[in-house]
Amino acid sequence: MKREYYLKQVKRNSFFIFILISLVLFSCKNKKLDDNIAIRVYVENIIIHEKYSYNQDTLRKYQNELFRSYNISKIDFENYLKSLKTDQNKWQDFFKRAEAYLNELNKVGAVN
């Protein structure tokens, strides 16, 4: 009798472990970043860097707020940029679109 109970306990624990591992694996999967969001984050990150480079704490604070506002992580963003390095055409397109977004921000007076 004791042996049956012991076996049932192991089965139940292994099921919960399987569920836990599955959740961890699915939650750790890198998100595919949208090009438009990546461009906005890139340009706004450069602006933040220019404004607050003198104070590292403030710089980190605003960078974290930027990533949080677009619901991405810094690692996701860095991985996206690394993925662009393999294709020269993607790099050129990315920077053209980033420059266009920066010019748009300048026109509306968002960048000082």
PDB file of N, CA and C in Angstrom:
ATOM      1  N   MET A   1       0.819  -1.184   0.000  1.00  0.00           N
ATOM      2  CA  MET A   1       0.000   0.000   0.000  1.00  0.00           C
ATOM      3  C   MET A   1       0.871   1.259   0.000  1.00  0.00           C
ATOM      4  N   LYS A   2       1.859   1.271   0.800  1.00  0.00           N
ATOM      5  CA  LYS A   2       2.721   2.441   0.866  1.00  0.00           C
ATOM      6  C   LYS A   2       3.433   2.664  -0.465  1.00  0.00           C
ATOM      7  N   ARG A   3       3.787   1.601  -1.115  1.00  0.00           N
ATOM      8  CA  ARG A   3       4.468   1.689  -2.387  1.00  0.00           C
ATOM      9  C   ARG A   3       3.572   2.326  -3.455  1.00  0.00           C
ATOM     10  N   GLU A   4       2.294   1.998  -3.501  1.00  0.00           N
ATOM     11  CA  GLU A   4       1.359   2.598  -4.465  1.00  0.00           C
ATOM     12  C   GLU A   4       1.273   4.114  -4.250  1.00  0.00           C
ATOM     13  N   TYR A   5       1.131   4.496  -3.024  1.00  0.00           N
ATOM     14  CA  TYR A   5       1.041   5.917  -2.721  1.00  0.00           C
ATOM     15  C   TYR A   5       2.299   6.656  -3.177  1.00  0.00           C
ATOM     16  N   TYR A   6       3.436   6.030  -2.959  1.00  0.00           N
ATOM     17  CA  TYR A   6       4.700   6.623  -3.362  1.00  0.00           C
ATOM     18  C   TYR A   6       4.763   6.803  -4.877  1.00  0.00           C
ATOM     19  N   LEU A   7       4.322   5.828  -5.633  1.00  0.00           N
ATOM     20  CA  LEU A   7       4.334   5.919  -7.088  1.00  0.00           C
ATOM     21  C   LEU A   7       3.389   7.003  -7.592  1.00  0.00           C
ATOM     22  N   LYS A   8       2.248   7.136  -6.985  1.00  0.00           N
ATOM     23  CA  LYS A   8       1.308   8.167  -7.399  1.00  0.00           C
ATOM     24  C   LYS A   8       1.894   9.560  -7.151  1.00  0.00           C
ATOM     25  N   GLN A   9       2.580   9.697  -6.070  1.00  0.00           N
ATOM     26  CA  GLN A   9       3.189  10.981  -5.734  1.00  0.00           C
ATOM     27  C   GLN A   9       4.237  11.362  -6.776  1.00  0.00           C
ATOM     28  N   VAL A  10       5.022  10.421  -7.218  1.00  0.00           N
ATOM     29  CA  VAL A  10       6.044  10.697  -8.211  1.00  0.00           C
ATOM     30  C   VAL A  10       5.396  11.115  -9.523  1.00  0.00           C
ATOM     31  N   LYS A  11       4.347  10.443  -9.926  1.00  0.00           N
ATOM     32  CA  LYS A  11       3.662  10.794 -11.168  1.00  0.00           C
ATOM     33  C   LYS A  11       3.124  12.222 -11.096  1.00  0.00           C
ATOM     34  N   ARG A  12       2.525  12.586  -9.998  1.00  0.00           N
ATOM     35  CA  ARG A  12       1.947  13.912  -9.864  1.00  0.00           C
ATOM     36  C   ARG A  12       3.046  14.978  -9.895  1.00  0.00           C
ATOM     37  N   ASN A  13       4.131  14.745  -9.206  1.00  0.00           N
ATOM     38  CA  ASN A  13       5.231  15.709  -9.198  1.00  0.00           C
ATOM     39  C   ASN A  13       5.853  15.852 -10.578  1.00  0.00           C
ATOM     40  N   SER A  14       6.010  14.756 -11.287  1.00  0.00           N
ATOM     41  CA  SER A  14       6.615  14.847 -12.608  1.00  0.00           C
ATOM     42  C   SER A  14       5.712  15.616 -13.579  1.00  0.00           C
ATOM     43  N   PHE A  15       4.400  15.521 -13.407  1.00  0.00           N
ATOM     44  CA  PHE A  15       3.487  16.296 -14.243  1.00  0.00           C
ATOM     45  C   PHE A  15       3.668  17.788 -13.981  1.00  0.00           C
ATOM     46  N   PHE A  16       3.752  18.174 -12.724  1.00  0.00           N
ATOM     47  CA  PHE A  16       3.945  19.585 -12.387  1.00  0.00           C
ATOM     48  C   PHE A  16       5.304  20.094 -12.863  1.00  0.00           C
ATOM     49  N   ILE A  17       6.313  19.257 -12.782  1.00  0.00           N
ATOM     50  CA  ILE A  17       7.630  19.642 -13.275  1.00  0.00           C
ATOM     51  C   ILE A  17       7.591  19.845 -14.782  1.00  0.00           C
ATOM     52  N   PHE A  18       6.890  18.965 -15.475  1.00  0.00           N
ATOM     53  CA  PHE A  18       6.745  19.106 -16.923  1.00  0.00           C
ATOM     54  C   PHE A  18       6.054  20.423 -17.274  1.00  0.00           C
ATOM     55  N   ILE A  19       4.993  20.758 -16.577  1.00  0.00           N
ATOM     56  CA  ILE A  19       4.276  22.023 -16.811  1.00  0.00           C
ATOM     57  C   ILE A  19       5.186  23.209 -16.530  1.00  0.00           C
ATOM     58  N   LEU A  20       5.922  23.155 -15.451  1.00  0.00           N
ATOM     59  CA  LEU A  20       6.820  24.251 -15.087  1.00  0.00           C
ATOM     60  C   LEU A  20       7.909  24.451 -16.138  1.00  0.00           C
ATOM     61  N   ILE A  21       8.514  23.373 -16.577  1.00  0.00           N
ATOM     62  CA  ILE A  21       9.562  23.468 -17.598  1.00  0.00           C
ATOM     63  C   ILE A  21       8.996  24.014 -18.902  1.00  0.00           C
ATOM     64  N   SER A  22       7.802  23.568 -19.265  1.00  0.00           N
ATOM     65  CA  SER A  22       7.168  24.061 -20.489  1.00  0.00           C
ATOM     66  C   SER A  22       6.919  25.559 -20.425  1.00  0.00           C
ATOM     67  N   LEU A  23       6.432  26.025 -19.288  1.00  0.00           N
ATOM     68  CA  LEU A  23       6.182  27.462 -19.128  1.00  0.00           C
ATOM     69  C   LEU A  23       7.465  28.268 -19.221  1.00  0.00           C
ATOM     70  N   VAL A  24       8.513  27.772 -18.609  1.00  0.00           N
ATOM     71  CA  VAL A  24       9.798  28.475 -18.632  1.00  0.00           C
ATOM     72  C   VAL A  24      10.330  28.544 -20.054  1.00  0.00           C
ATOM     73  N   LEU A  25      10.261  27.440 -20.778  1.00  0.00           N
ATOM     74  CA  LEU A  25      10.777  27.426 -22.145  1.00  0.00           C
ATOM     75  C   LEU A  25      10.000  28.361 -23.059  1.00  0.00           C
ATOM     76  N   PHE A  26       8.696  28.371 -22.925  1.00  0.00           N
ATOM     77  CA  PHE A  26       7.895  29.244 -23.782  1.00  0.00           C
ATOM     78  C   PHE A  26       8.048  30.714 -23.411  1.00  0.00           C
ATOM     79  N   SER A  27       8.253  30.998 -22.148  1.00  0.00           N
ATOM     80  CA  SER A  27       8.397  32.401 -21.743  1.00  0.00           C
ATOM     81  C   SER A  27       9.777  32.948 -22.085  1.00  0.00           C
ATOM     82  N   CYS A  28      10.786  32.096 -22.217  1.00  0.00           N
ATOM     83  CA  CYS A  28      12.143  32.546 -22.523  1.00  0.00           C
ATOM     84  C   CYS A  28      12.382  32.710 -24.014  1.00  0.00           C
ATOM     85  N   LYS A  29      11.441  32.330 -24.807  1.00  0.00           N
ATOM     86  CA  LYS A  29      11.589  32.429 -26.253  1.00  0.00           C
ATOM     87  C   LYS A  29      11.698  33.898 -26.652  1.00  0.00           C
ATOM     88  N   ASN A  30      12.672  34.220 -27.506  1.00  0.00           N
ATOM     89  CA  ASN A  30      12.866  35.598 -27.938  1.00  0.00           C
ATOM     90  C   ASN A  30      11.709  36.054 -28.803  1.00  0.00           C
ATOM     91  N   LYS A  31      11.302  37.275 -28.575  1.00  0.00           N
ATOM     92  CA  LYS A  31      10.224  37.832 -29.373  1.00  0.00           C
ATOM     93  C   LYS A  31      10.784  38.315 -30.704  1.00  0.00           C
ATOM     94  N   LYS A  32       9.985  38.173 -31.728  1.00  0.00           N
ATOM     95  CA  LYS A  32      10.345  38.722 -33.028  1.00  0.00           C
ATOM     96  C   LYS A  32       9.961  40.198 -32.997  1.00  0.00           C
ATOM     97  N   LEU A  33      10.944  41.032 -33.170  1.00  0.00           N
ATOM     98  CA  LEU A  33      10.747  42.465 -33.061  1.00  0.00           C
ATOM     99  C   LEU A  33      10.252  43.031 -34.389  1.00  0.00           C
ATOM    100  N   ASP A  34       9.249  43.861 -34.331  1.00  0.00           N
ATOM    101  CA  ASP A  34       8.734  44.531 -35.510  1.00  0.00           C
ATOM    102  C   ASP A  34       9.744  45.583 -35.967  1.00  0.00           C
ATOM    103  N   ASP A  35       9.913  45.725 -37.282  1.00  0.00           N
ATOM    104  CA  ASP A  35      10.894  46.684 -37.813  1.00  0.00           C
ATOM    105  C   ASP A  35      10.591  48.113 -37.373  1.00  0.00           C
ATOM    106  N   ASN A  36       9.327  48.502 -37.427  1.00  0.00           N
ATOM    107  CA  ASN A  36       8.960  49.877 -37.060  1.00  0.00           C
ATOM    108  C   ASN A  36       9.262  50.167 -35.594  1.00  0.00           C
ATOM    109  N   ILE A  37       8.987  49.208 -34.738  1.00  0.00           N
ATOM    110  CA  ILE A  37       9.279  49.393 -33.313  1.00  0.00           C
ATOM    111  C   ILE A  37      10.783  49.466 -33.093  1.00  0.00           C
ATOM    112  N   ALA A  38      11.533  48.611 -33.782  1.00  0.00           N
ATOM    113  CA  ALA A  38      12.994  48.615 -33.632  1.00  0.00           C
ATOM    114  C   ALA A  38      13.580  49.950 -34.076  1.00  0.00           C
ATOM    115  N   ILE A  39      13.049  50.513 -35.146  1.00  0.00           N
ATOM    116  CA  ILE A  39      13.535  51.809 -35.633  1.00  0.00           C
ATOM    117  C   ILE A  39      13.242  52.897 -34.619  1.00  0.00           C
ATOM    118  N   ARG A  40      12.035  52.896 -34.090  1.00  0.00           N
ATOM    119  CA  ARG A  40      11.675  53.907 -33.087  1.00  0.00           C
ATOM    120  C   ARG A  40      12.564  53.785 -31.845  1.00  0.00           C
ATOM    121  N   VAL A  41      12.759  52.560 -31.379  1.00  0.00           N
ATOM    122  CA  VAL A  41      13.596  52.341 -30.204  1.00  0.00           C
ATOM    123  C   VAL A  41      15.027  52.787 -30.484  1.00  0.00           C
ATOM    124  N   TYR A  42      15.542  52.480 -31.661  1.00  0.00           N
ATOM    125  CA  TYR A  42      16.904  52.857 -32.025  1.00  0.00           C
ATOM    126  C   TYR A  42      17.077  54.377 -31.990  1.00  0.00           C
ATOM    127  N   VAL A  43      16.177  55.093 -32.649  1.00  0.00           N
ATOM    128  CA  VAL A  43      16.285  56.552 -32.727  1.00  0.00           C
ATOM    129  C   VAL A  43      16.090  57.181 -31.351  1.00  0.00           C
ATOM    130  N   GLU A  44      15.068  56.747 -30.636  1.00  0.00           N
ATOM    131  CA  GLU A  44      14.807  57.324 -29.324  1.00  0.00           C
ATOM    132  C   GLU A  44      15.924  56.987 -28.336  1.00  0.00           C
ATOM    133  N   ASN A  45      16.534  55.827 -28.497  1.00  0.00           N
ATOM    134  CA  ASN A  45      17.660  55.455 -27.648  1.00  0.00           C
ATOM    135  C   ASN A  45      18.865  56.366 -27.914  1.00  0.00           C
ATOM    136  N   ILE A  46      19.092  56.700 -29.165  1.00  0.00           N
ATOM    137  CA  ILE A  46      20.185  57.621 -29.503  1.00  0.00           C
ATOM    138  C   ILE A  46      19.915  59.005 -28.914  1.00  0.00           C
ATOM    139  N   ILE A  47      18.674  59.450 -28.998  1.00  0.00           N
ATOM    140  CA  ILE A  47      18.313  60.757 -28.431  1.00  0.00           C
ATOM    141  C   ILE A  47      18.535  60.759 -26.923  1.00  0.00           C
ATOM    142  N   ILE A  48      18.108  59.697 -26.262  1.00  0.00           N
ATOM    143  CA  ILE A  48      18.312  59.586 -24.813  1.00  0.00           C
ATOM    144  C   ILE A  48      19.800  59.583 -24.490  1.00  0.00           C
ATOM    145  N   HIS A  49      20.571  58.875 -25.296  1.00  0.00           N
ATOM    146  CA  HIS A  49      22.023  58.814 -25.073  1.00  0.00           C
ATOM    147  C   HIS A  49      22.651  60.202 -25.201  1.00  0.00           C
ATOM    148  N   GLU A  50      22.221  60.972 -26.180  1.00  0.00           N
ATOM    149  CA  GLU A  50      22.764  62.323 -26.368  1.00  0.00           C
ATOM    150  C   GLU A  50      22.383  63.241 -25.218  1.00  0.00           C
ATOM    151  N   LYS A  51      21.151  63.127 -24.718  1.00  0.00           N
ATOM    152  CA  LYS A  51      20.686  64.020 -23.664  1.00  0.00           C
ATOM    153  C   LYS A  51      21.292  63.702 -22.300  1.00  0.00           C
ATOM    154  N   TYR A  52      21.457  62.417 -21.995  1.00  0.00           N
ATOM    155  CA  TYR A  52      21.804  62.027 -20.633  1.00  0.00           C
ATOM    156  C   TYR A  52      23.132  61.285 -20.520  1.00  0.00           C
ATOM    157  N   SER A  53      24.010  61.434 -21.477  1.00  0.00           N
ATOM    158  CA  SER A  53      25.279  60.705 -21.424  1.00  0.00           C
ATOM    159  C   SER A  53      26.160  61.160 -20.262  1.00  0.00           C
ATOM    160  N   TYR A  54      25.927  62.338 -19.745  1.00  0.00           N
ATOM    161  CA  TYR A  54      26.724  62.859 -18.638  1.00  0.00           C
ATOM    162  C   TYR A  54      26.373  62.197 -17.306  1.00  0.00           C
ATOM    163  N   ASN A  55      25.191  61.585 -17.201  1.00  0.00           N
ATOM    164  CA  ASN A  55      24.743  60.965 -15.960  1.00  0.00           C
ATOM    165  C   ASN A  55      24.274  59.539 -16.255  1.00  0.00           C
ATOM    166  N   GLN A  56      25.085  58.570 -15.887  1.00  0.00           N
ATOM    167  CA  GLN A  56      24.802  57.170 -16.227  1.00  0.00           C
ATOM    168  C   GLN A  56      23.539  56.644 -15.559  1.00  0.00           C
ATOM    169  N   ASP A  57      23.247  57.081 -14.361  1.00  0.00           N
ATOM    170  CA  ASP A  57      22.037  56.610 -13.679  1.00  0.00           C
ATOM    171  C   ASP A  57      20.780  57.088 -14.402  1.00  0.00           C
ATOM    172  N   THR A  58      20.766  58.346 -14.774  1.00  0.00           N
ATOM    173  CA  THR A  58      19.624  58.891 -15.498  1.00  0.00           C
ATOM    174  C   THR A  58      19.505  58.251 -16.872  1.00  0.00           C
ATOM    175  N   LEU A  59      20.639  58.037 -17.515  1.00  0.00           N
ATOM    176  CA  LEU A  59      20.648  57.385 -18.827  1.00  0.00           C
ATOM    177  C   LEU A  59      20.016  56.001 -18.735  1.00  0.00           C
ATOM    178  N   ARG A  60      20.440  55.194 -17.775  1.00  0.00           N
ATOM    179  CA  ARG A  60      19.876  53.854 -17.593  1.00  0.00           C
ATOM    180  C   ARG A  60      18.392  53.908 -17.279  1.00  0.00           C
ATOM    181  N   LYS A  61      17.997  54.883 -16.463  1.00  0.00           N
ATOM    182  CA  LYS A  61      16.580  55.021 -16.095  1.00  0.00           C
ATOM    183  C   LYS A  61      15.725  55.269 -17.330  1.00  0.00           C
ATOM    184  N   TYR A  62      16.126  56.215 -18.170  1.00  0.00           N
ATOM    185  CA  TYR A  62      15.336  56.534 -19.355  1.00  0.00           C
ATOM    186  C   TYR A  62      15.404  55.434 -20.412  1.00  0.00           C
ATOM    187  N   GLN A  63      16.534  54.742 -20.497  1.00  0.00           N
ATOM    188  CA  GLN A  63      16.608  53.606 -21.423  1.00  0.00           C
ATOM    189  C   GLN A  63      15.668  52.488 -20.983  1.00  0.00           C
ATOM    190  N   ASN A  64      15.635  52.206 -19.689  1.00  0.00           N
ATOM    191  CA  ASN A  64      14.718  51.182 -19.187  1.00  0.00           C
ATOM    192  C   ASN A  64      13.268  51.570 -19.428  1.00  0.00           C
ATOM    193  N   GLU A  65      12.950  52.852 -19.237  1.00  0.00           N
ATOM    194  CA  GLU A  65      11.590  53.325 -19.505  1.00  0.00           C
ATOM    195  C   GLU A  65      11.241  53.181 -20.983  1.00  0.00           C
ATOM    196  N   LEU A  66      12.213  53.459 -21.846  1.00  0.00           N
ATOM    197  CA  LEU A  66      11.994  53.323 -23.289  1.00  0.00           C
ATOM    198  C   LEU A  66      11.665  51.879 -23.647  1.00  0.00           C
ATOM    199  N   PHE A  67      12.485  50.947 -23.189  1.00  0.00           N
ATOM    200  CA  PHE A  67      12.239  49.537 -23.493  1.00  0.00           C
ATOM    201  C   PHE A  67      10.914  49.068 -22.890  1.00  0.00           C
ATOM    202  N   ARG A  68      10.606  49.531 -21.704  1.00  0.00           N
ATOM    203  CA  ARG A  68       9.343  49.160 -21.060  1.00  0.00           C
ATOM    204  C   ARG A  68       8.157  49.718 -21.834  1.00  0.00           C
ATOM    205  N   SER A  69       8.279  50.931 -22.353  1.00  0.00           N
ATOM    206  CA  SER A  69       7.153  51.540 -23.071  1.00  0.00           C
ATOM    207  C   SER A  69       6.837  50.796 -24.370  1.00  0.00           C
ATOM    208  N   TYR A  70       7.845  50.188 -24.982  1.00  0.00           N
ATOM    209  CA  TYR A  70       7.614  49.406 -26.201  1.00  0.00           C
ATOM    210  C   TYR A  70       7.463  47.912 -25.899  1.00  0.00           C
ATOM    211  N   ASN A  71       7.486  47.560 -24.633  1.00  0.00           N
ATOM    212  CA  ASN A  71       7.277  46.190 -24.180  1.00  0.00           C
ATOM    213  C   ASN A  71       8.286  45.211 -24.795  1.00  0.00           C
ATOM    214  N   ILE A  72       9.540  45.615 -24.812  1.00  0.00           N
ATOM    215  CA  ILE A  72      10.617  44.738 -25.280  1.00  0.00           C
ATOM    216  C   ILE A  72      11.751  44.802 -24.264  1.00  0.00           C
ATOM    217  N   SER A  73      12.682  43.910 -24.401  1.00  0.00           N
ATOM    218  CA  SER A  73      13.850  43.944 -23.522  1.00  0.00           C
ATOM    219  C   SER A  73      15.053  44.450 -24.312  1.00  0.00           C
ATOM    220  N   LYS A  74      16.048  44.866 -23.583  1.00  0.00           N
ATOM    221  CA  LYS A  74      17.275  45.335 -24.215  1.00  0.00           C
ATOM    222  C   LYS A  74      17.931  44.199 -24.992  1.00  0.00           C
ATOM    223  N   ILE A  75      17.836  43.002 -24.473  1.00  0.00           N
ATOM    224  CA  ILE A  75      18.417  41.837 -25.143  1.00  0.00           C
ATOM    225  C   ILE A  75      17.711  41.560 -26.467  1.00  0.00           C
ATOM    226  N   ASP A  76      16.374  41.669 -26.479  1.00  0.00           N
ATOM    227  CA  ASP A  76      15.626  41.489 -27.732  1.00  0.00           C
ATOM    228  C   ASP A  76      16.075  42.499 -28.780  1.00  0.00           C
ATOM    229  N   PHE A  77      16.253  43.738 -28.339  1.00  0.00           N
ATOM    230  CA  PHE A  77      16.678  44.790 -29.251  1.00  0.00           C
ATOM    231  C   PHE A  77      18.083  44.533 -29.781  1.00  0.00           C
ATOM    232  N   GLU A  78      18.989  44.158 -28.897  1.00  0.00           N
ATOM    233  CA  GLU A  78      20.361  43.866 -29.326  1.00  0.00           C
ATOM    234  C   GLU A  78      20.406  42.676 -30.278  1.00  0.00           C
ATOM    235  N   ASN A  79      19.589  41.657 -30.014  1.00  0.00           N
ATOM    236  CA  ASN A  79      19.531  40.505 -30.916  1.00  0.00           C
ATOM    237  C   ASN A  79      18.988  40.903 -32.285  1.00  0.00           C
ATOM    238  N   TYR A  80      18.033  41.813 -32.299  1.00  0.00           N
ATOM    239  CA  TYR A  80      17.499  42.295 -33.574  1.00  0.00           C
ATOM    240  C   TYR A  80      18.603  42.988 -34.372  1.00  0.00           C
ATOM    241  N   LEU A  81      19.359  43.849 -33.713  1.00  0.00           N
ATOM    242  CA  LEU A  81      20.449  44.547 -34.406  1.00  0.00           C
ATOM    243  C   LEU A  81      21.510  43.575 -34.901  1.00  0.00           C
ATOM    244  N   LYS A  82      21.806  42.557 -34.123  1.00  0.00           N
ATOM    245  CA  LYS A  82      22.767  41.544 -34.557  1.00  0.00           C
ATOM    246  C   LYS A  82      22.265  40.787 -35.773  1.00  0.00           C
ATOM    247  N   SER A  83      20.957  40.570 -35.841  1.00  0.00           N
ATOM    248  CA  SER A  83      20.407  39.844 -36.980  1.00  0.00           C
ATOM    249  C   SER A  83      20.497  40.660 -38.265  1.00  0.00           C
ATOM    250  N   LEU A  84      20.551  41.973 -38.150  1.00  0.00           N
ATOM    251  CA  LEU A  84      20.668  42.833 -39.332  1.00  0.00           C
ATOM    252  C   LEU A  84      22.078  42.802 -39.921  1.00  0.00           C
ATOM    253  N   LYS A  85      23.058  42.479 -39.122  1.00  0.00           N
ATOM    254  CA  LYS A  85      24.450  42.536 -39.572  1.00  0.00           C
ATOM    255  C   LYS A  85      24.743  41.587 -40.730  1.00  0.00           C
ATOM    256  N   THR A  86      23.960  40.551 -40.869  1.00  0.00           N
ATOM    257  CA  THR A  86      24.238  39.560 -41.902  1.00  0.00           C
ATOM    258  C   THR A  86      23.809  40.011 -43.291  1.00  0.00           C
ATOM    259  N   ASP A  87      22.962  41.033 -43.378  1.00  0.00           N
ATOM    260  CA  ASP A  87      22.438  41.470 -44.672  1.00  0.00           C
ATOM    261  C   ASP A  87      22.643  42.973 -44.846  1.00  0.00           C
ATOM    262  N   GLN A  88      23.496  43.338 -45.785  1.00  0.00           N
ATOM    263  CA  GLN A  88      23.828  44.752 -46.017  1.00  0.00           C
ATOM    264  C   GLN A  88      22.596  45.558 -46.447  1.00  0.00           C
ATOM    265  N   ASN A  89      21.733  44.964 -47.242  1.00  0.00           N
ATOM    266  CA  ASN A  89      20.531  45.677 -47.701  1.00  0.00           C
ATOM    267  C   ASN A  89      19.596  45.991 -46.540  1.00  0.00           C
ATOM    268  N   LYS A  90      19.467  45.055 -45.595  1.00  0.00           N
ATOM    269  CA  LYS A  90      18.624  45.305 -44.419  1.00  0.00           C
ATOM    270  C   LYS A  90      19.199  46.447 -43.579  1.00  0.00           C
ATOM    271  N   TRP A  91      20.538  46.476 -43.448  1.00  0.00           N
ATOM    272  CA  TRP A  91      21.184  47.565 -42.704  1.00  0.00           C
ATOM    273  C   TRP A  91      20.870  48.911 -43.344  1.00  0.00           C
ATOM    274  N   GLN A  92      21.051  48.993 -44.653  1.00  0.00           N
ATOM    275  CA  GLN A  92      20.814  50.260 -45.348  1.00  0.00           C
ATOM    276  C   GLN A  92      19.366  50.690 -45.222  1.00  0.00           C
ATOM    277  N   ASP A  93      18.440  49.750 -45.390  1.00  0.00           N
ATOM    278  CA  ASP A  93      17.024  50.073 -45.255  1.00  0.00           C
ATOM    279  C   ASP A  93      16.697  50.524 -43.836  1.00  0.00           C
ATOM    280  N   PHE A  94      17.277  49.842 -42.862  1.00  0.00           N
ATOM    281  CA  PHE A  94      17.047  50.193 -41.459  1.00  0.00           C
ATOM    282  C   PHE A  94      17.499  51.624 -41.182  1.00  0.00           C
ATOM    283  N   PHE A  95      18.701  51.982 -41.636  1.00  0.00           N
ATOM    284  CA  PHE A  95      19.216  53.320 -41.359  1.00  0.00           C
ATOM    285  C   PHE A  95      18.493  54.401 -42.150  1.00  0.00           C
ATOM    286  N   LYS A  96      18.038  54.104 -43.346  1.00  0.00           N
ATOM    287  CA  LYS A  96      17.232  55.080 -44.098  1.00  0.00           C
ATOM    288  C   LYS A  96      15.935  55.373 -43.370  1.00  0.00           C
ATOM    289  N   ARG A  97      15.289  54.316 -42.897  1.00  0.00           N
ATOM    290  CA  ARG A  97      14.026  54.497 -42.184  1.00  0.00           C
ATOM    291  C   ARG A  97      14.246  55.179 -40.836  1.00  0.00           C
ATOM    292  N   ALA A  98      15.369  54.882 -40.179  1.00  0.00           N
ATOM    293  CA  ALA A  98      15.685  55.534 -38.907  1.00  0.00           C
ATOM    294  C   ALA A  98      15.937  57.026 -39.120  1.00  0.00           C
ATOM    295  N   GLU A  99      16.637  57.360 -40.196  1.00  0.00           N
ATOM    296  CA  GLU A  99      16.889  58.769 -40.501  1.00  0.00           C
ATOM    297  C   GLU A  99      15.587  59.496 -40.830  1.00  0.00           C
ATOM    298  N   ALA A 100      14.690  58.831 -41.544  1.00  0.00           N
ATOM    299  CA  ALA A 100      13.395  59.434 -41.864  1.00  0.00           C
ATOM    300  C   ALA A 100      12.593  59.684 -40.583  1.00  0.00           C
ATOM    301  N   TYR A 101      12.633  58.750 -39.651  1.00  0.00           N
ATOM    302  CA  TYR A 101      11.927  58.927 -38.378  1.00  0.00           C
ATOM    303  C   TYR A 101      12.536  60.064 -37.571  1.00  0.00           C
ATOM    304  N   LEU A 102      13.853  60.169 -37.565  1.00  0.00           N
ATOM    305  CA  LEU A 102      14.516  61.256 -36.857  1.00  0.00           C
ATOM    306  C   LEU A 102      14.148  62.605 -37.480  1.00  0.00           C
ATOM    307  N   ASN A 103      14.106  62.677 -38.804  1.00  0.00           N
ATOM    308  CA  ASN A 103      13.702  63.911 -39.481  1.00  0.00           C
ATOM    309  C   ASN A 103      12.261  64.273 -39.144  1.00  0.00           C
ATOM    310  N   GLU A 104      11.412  63.261 -39.051  1.00  0.00           N
ATOM    311  CA  GLU A 104      10.009  63.491 -38.669  1.00  0.00           C
ATOM    312  C   GLU A 104       9.914  64.060 -37.259  1.00  0.00           C
ATOM    313  N   LEU A 105      10.713  63.527 -36.357  1.00  0.00           N
ATOM    314  CA  LEU A 105      10.732  64.054 -34.988  1.00  0.00           C
ATOM    315  C   LEU A 105      11.256  65.484 -34.946  1.00  0.00           C
ATOM    316  N   ASN A 106      12.238  65.795 -35.786  1.00  0.00           N
ATOM    317  CA  ASN A 106      12.759  67.155 -35.856  1.00  0.00           C
ATOM    318  C   ASN A 106      11.707  68.131 -36.371  1.00  0.00           C
ATOM    319  N   LYS A 107      10.928  67.711 -37.346  1.00  0.00           N
ATOM    320  CA  LYS A 107       9.886  68.586 -37.914  1.00  0.00           C
ATOM    321  C   LYS A 107       8.822  68.959 -36.890  1.00  0.00           C
ATOM    322  N   VAL A 108       8.445  68.008 -36.047  1.00  0.00           N
ATOM    323  CA  VAL A 108       7.410  68.291 -35.059  1.00  0.00           C
ATOM    324  C   VAL A 108       7.992  68.906 -33.786  1.00  0.00           C
ATOM    325  N   GLY A 109       9.291  69.044 -33.723  1.00  0.00           N
ATOM    326  CA  GLY A 109       9.938  69.683 -32.584  1.00  0.00           C
ATOM    327  C   GLY A 109      10.099  68.787 -31.377  1.00  0.00           C
ATOM    328  N   ALA A 110      10.068  67.474 -31.573  1.00  0.00           N
ATOM    329  CA  ALA A 110      10.214  66.557 -30.461  1.00  0.00           C
ATOM    330  C   ALA A 110      11.666  66.417 -30.007  1.00  0.00           C
ATOM    331  N   VAL A 111      12.595  66.785 -30.876  1.00  0.00           N
ATOM    332  CA  VAL A 111      14.019  66.676 -30.548  1.00  0.00           C
ATOM    333  C   VAL A 111      14.566  68.076 -30.380  1.00  0.00           C
ATOM    334  N   ASN A 112      15.215  68.303 -29.243  1.00  0.00           N
ATOM    335  CA  ASN A 112      15.799  69.626 -28.977  1.00  0.00           C
ATOM    336  C   ASN A 112      17.285  69.568 -29.125  1.00  0.00           C
TER     337      ASN A 112
END
